C-alpha atoms as a PDB file:
ATOM      1  CA  UNK A   1     125.286  41.545  50.563  1.00  0.00           C
ATOM      2  CA  UNK A   2     128.487  42.590  52.257  1.00  0.00           C
ATOM      3  CA  UNK A   3     129.405  42.942  55.952  1.00  0.00           C
ATOM      4  CA  UNK A   4     132.650  44.794  56.832  1.00  0.00           C
ATOM      5  CA  UNK A   5     134.003  45.772  59.660  1.00  0.00           C
ATOM      6  CA  UNK A   6     136.325  49.067  59.299  1.00  0.00           C
ATOM      7  CA  UNK A   7     138.918  49.852  62.359  1.00  0.00           C
ATOM      8  CA  UNK A   8     139.901  53.477  62.270  1.00  0.00           C
ATOM      9  CA  UNK A   9     142.080  54.540  64.972  1.00  0.00           C
ATOM     10  CA  UNK A  10     141.174  52.274  67.424  1.00  0.00           C
ATOM     11  CA  UNK A  11     137.343  52.854  66.423  1.00  0.00           C
ATOM     12  CA  UNK A  12     135.514  49.772  64.421  1.00  0.00           C
ATOM     13  CA  UNK A  13     132.440  50.830  62.471  1.00  0.00           C
ATOM     14  CA  UNK A  14     130.544  47.847  60.684  1.00  0.00           C
ATOM     15  CA  UNK A  15     128.610  48.057  57.342  1.00  0.00           C
ATOM     16  CA  UNK A  16     126.338  45.933  56.173  1.00  0.00           C
ATOM     17  CA  UNK A  17     124.008  46.059  53.058  1.00  0.00           C
ATOM     18  CA  UNK A  18     123.289  45.749  49.567  1.00  0.00           C
ATOM     19  CA  UNK A  19     125.830  46.399  46.477  1.00  0.00           C
ATOM     20  CA  UNK A  20     129.175  48.283  46.758  1.00  0.00           C
ATOM     21  CA  UNK A  21     128.684  52.084  46.335  1.00  0.00           C
ATOM     22  CA  UNK A  22     125.304  51.247  44.610  1.00  0.00           C
ATOM     23  CA  UNK A  23     127.513  48.753  42.215  1.00  0.00           C
ATOM     24  CA  UNK A  24     125.974  44.836  41.998  1.00  0.00           C
ATOM     25  CA  UNK A  25     128.187  42.971  39.228  1.00  0.00           C
ATOM     26  CA  UNK A  26     127.038  39.684  37.937  1.00  0.00           C
ATOM     27  CA  UNK A  27     130.379  37.546  37.564  1.00  0.00           C
ATOM     28  CA  UNK A  28     130.863  35.309  34.778  1.00  0.00           C
ATOM     29  CA  UNK A  29     133.615  32.791  33.841  1.00  0.00           C
ATOM     30  CA  UNK A  30     135.905  35.302  32.110  1.00  0.00           C
ATOM     31  CA  UNK A  31     133.397  38.430  32.652  1.00  0.00           C
ATOM     32  CA  UNK A  32     131.120  40.517  33.953  1.00  0.00           C
ATOM     33  CA  UNK A  33     127.729  42.008  34.045  1.00  0.00           C
ATOM     34  CA  UNK A  34     127.917  45.438  35.397  1.00  0.00           C
ATOM     35  CA  UNK A  35     124.587  46.161  37.235  1.00  0.00           C
ATOM     36  CA  UNK A  36     124.008  49.016  39.599  1.00  0.00           C
ATOM     37  CA  UNK A  37     121.555  50.536  41.393  1.00  0.00           C
ATOM     38  CA  UNK A  38     118.432  51.096  39.859  1.00  0.00           C
ATOM     39  CA  UNK A  39     117.928  55.385  39.711  1.00  0.00           C
ATOM     40  CA  UNK A  40     114.288  54.852  39.124  1.00  0.00           C
ATOM     41  CA  UNK A  41     111.758  57.005  41.475  1.00  0.00           C
ATOM     42  CA  UNK A  42     110.839  54.708  44.257  1.00  0.00           C
ATOM     43  CA  UNK A  43     113.141  52.143  43.420  1.00  0.00           C
ATOM     44  CA  UNK A  44     114.066  49.855  46.919  1.00  0.00           C
ATOM     45  CA  UNK A  45     117.672  49.161  47.836  1.00  0.00           C
ATOM     46  CA  UNK A  46     118.911  46.247  46.595  1.00  0.00           C
ATOM     47  CA  UNK A  47     116.737  47.052  42.837  1.00  0.00           C
ATOM     48  CA  UNK A  48     119.128  47.050  39.896  1.00  0.00           C
ATOM     49  CA  UNK A  49     119.384  48.337  36.900  1.00  0.00           C
ATOM     50  CA  UNK A  50     121.075  45.406  34.223  1.00  0.00           C
ATOM     51  CA  UNK A  51     124.117  46.970  32.794  1.00  0.00           C
ATOM     52  CA  UNK A  52     126.672  46.080  30.126  1.00  0.00           C
ATOM     53  CA  UNK A  53     128.253  42.753  29.588  1.00  0.00           C
ATOM     54  CA  UNK A  54     132.459  43.285  30.205  1.00  0.00           C
ATOM     55  CA  UNK A  55     135.230  41.090  29.806  1.00  0.00           C
ATOM     56  CA  UNK A  56     138.211  40.611  32.214  1.00  0.00           C
ATOM     57  CA  UNK A  57     137.855  40.724  36.334  1.00  0.00           C
ATOM     58  CA  UNK A  58     135.622  42.766  38.034  1.00  0.00           C
ATOM     59  CA  UNK A  59     137.861  45.374  40.185  1.00  0.00           C
ATOM     60  CA  UNK A  60     136.772  48.139  42.678  1.00  0.00           C
ATOM     61  CA  UNK A  61     139.087  50.772  44.530  1.00  0.00           C
ATOM     62  CA  UNK A  62     138.233  52.525  47.807  1.00  0.00           C
ATOM     63  CA  UNK A  63     138.953  55.701  48.295  1.00  0.00           C
ATOM     64  CA  UNK A  64     139.829  56.610  52.670  1.00  0.00           C
ATOM     65  CA  UNK A  65     140.338  59.957  53.492  1.00  0.00           C
ATOM     66  CA  UNK A  66     142.840  57.925  56.690  1.00  0.00           C
ATOM     67  CA  UNK A  67     144.801  54.702  57.021  1.00  0.00           C
ATOM     68  CA  UNK A  68     142.117  51.487  58.693  1.00  0.00           C
ATOM     69  CA  UNK A  69     142.299  47.863  58.516  1.00  0.00           C
ATOM     70  CA  UNK A  70     140.039  46.909  56.240  1.00  0.00           C
ATOM     71  CA  UNK A  71     138.097  43.583  56.257  1.00  0.00           C
ATOM     72  CA  UNK A  72     134.711  41.325  56.620  1.00  0.00           C
ATOM     73  CA  UNK A  73     132.553  39.128  53.929  1.00  0.00           C
ATOM     74  CA  UNK A  74     130.753  39.174  50.852  1.00  0.00           C
ATOM     75  CA  UNK A  75     127.809  37.198  50.326  1.00  0.00           C
ATOM     76  CA  UNK A  76     127.552  35.943  46.444  1.00  0.00           C
ATOM     77  CA  UNK A  77     124.639  34.129  44.642  1.00  0.00           C
ATOM     78  CA  UNK A  78     125.067  31.437  42.379  1.00  0.00           C
ATOM     79  CA  UNK A  79     123.286  32.234  39.112  1.00  0.00           C
ATOM     80  CA  UNK A  80     121.752  35.378  39.786  1.00  0.00           C
ATOM     81  CA  UNK A  81     119.976  37.399  42.026  1.00  0.00           C
ATOM     82  CA  UNK A  82     116.740  36.226  40.117  1.00  0.00           C
ATOM     83  CA  UNK A  83     117.242  33.281  39.135  1.00  0.00           C
ATOM     84  CA  UNK A  84     119.566  31.482  41.445  1.00  0.00           C
ATOM     85  CA  UNK A  85     121.049  28.457  40.698  1.00  0.00           C
ATOM     86  CA  UNK A  86     122.513  27.189  43.810  1.00  0.00           C
ATOM     87  CA  UNK A  87     122.550  27.857  47.803  1.00  0.00           C
ATOM     88  CA  UNK A  88     124.415  31.437  48.488  1.00  0.00           C
ATOM     89  CA  UNK A  89     126.950  31.444  50.300  1.00  0.00           C
ATOM     90  CA  UNK A  90     129.520  33.557  52.325  1.00  0.00           C
ATOM     91  CA  UNK A  91     133.432  34.371  51.339  1.00  0.00           C
ATOM     92  CA  UNK A  92     135.833  36.094  53.800  1.00  0.00           C
ATOM     93  CA  UNK A  93     137.369  38.775  53.149  1.00  0.00           C
ATOM     94  CA  UNK A  94     140.459  38.483  55.472  1.00  0.00           C
ATOM     95  CA  UNK A  95     141.598  41.873  57.265  1.00  0.00           C
ATOM     96  CA  UNK A  96     143.839  44.423  55.228  1.00  0.00           C
ATOM     97  CA  UNK A  97     145.508  47.779  55.877  1.00  0.00           C
ATOM     98  CA  UNK A  98     144.320  50.778  53.718  1.00  0.00           C
ATOM     99  CA  UNK A  99     146.867  53.367  53.476  1.00  0.00           C
ATOM    100  CA  UNK A 100     146.804  56.371  51.810  1.00  0.00           C
ATOM    101  CA  UNK A 101     148.368  57.768  49.157  1.00  0.00           C
ATOM    102  CA  UNK A 102     150.646  61.182  49.585  1.00  0.00           C
ATOM    103  CA  UNK A 103     149.440  62.445  45.941  1.00  0.00           C
ATOM    104  CA  UNK A 104     146.118  62.860  44.780  1.00  0.00           C
ATOM    105  CA  UNK A 105     145.419  62.160  40.721  1.00  0.00           C
END
């Protein structure tokens, strides 16, 4: 789960929901599993499809149409959603500036 506060031009919006644009990465030592939102008909929010095992660091790049300040918190579950191996915990993401690129690629 993630909770974001996004300030654009003095207006703050709040985002609270499961996953990140349909991604539900399972982080592991040395890599991650690329789980994603299930696209099966009738799938509920947060229902995932198991993805491929990946090596390295999970990286996500967001796109924005305007400069904003972005921050919030992310909920982590040790183990995985179906088989937790400990209590969940929240990690704070300190506010940071998002800038609009001067070019598109």
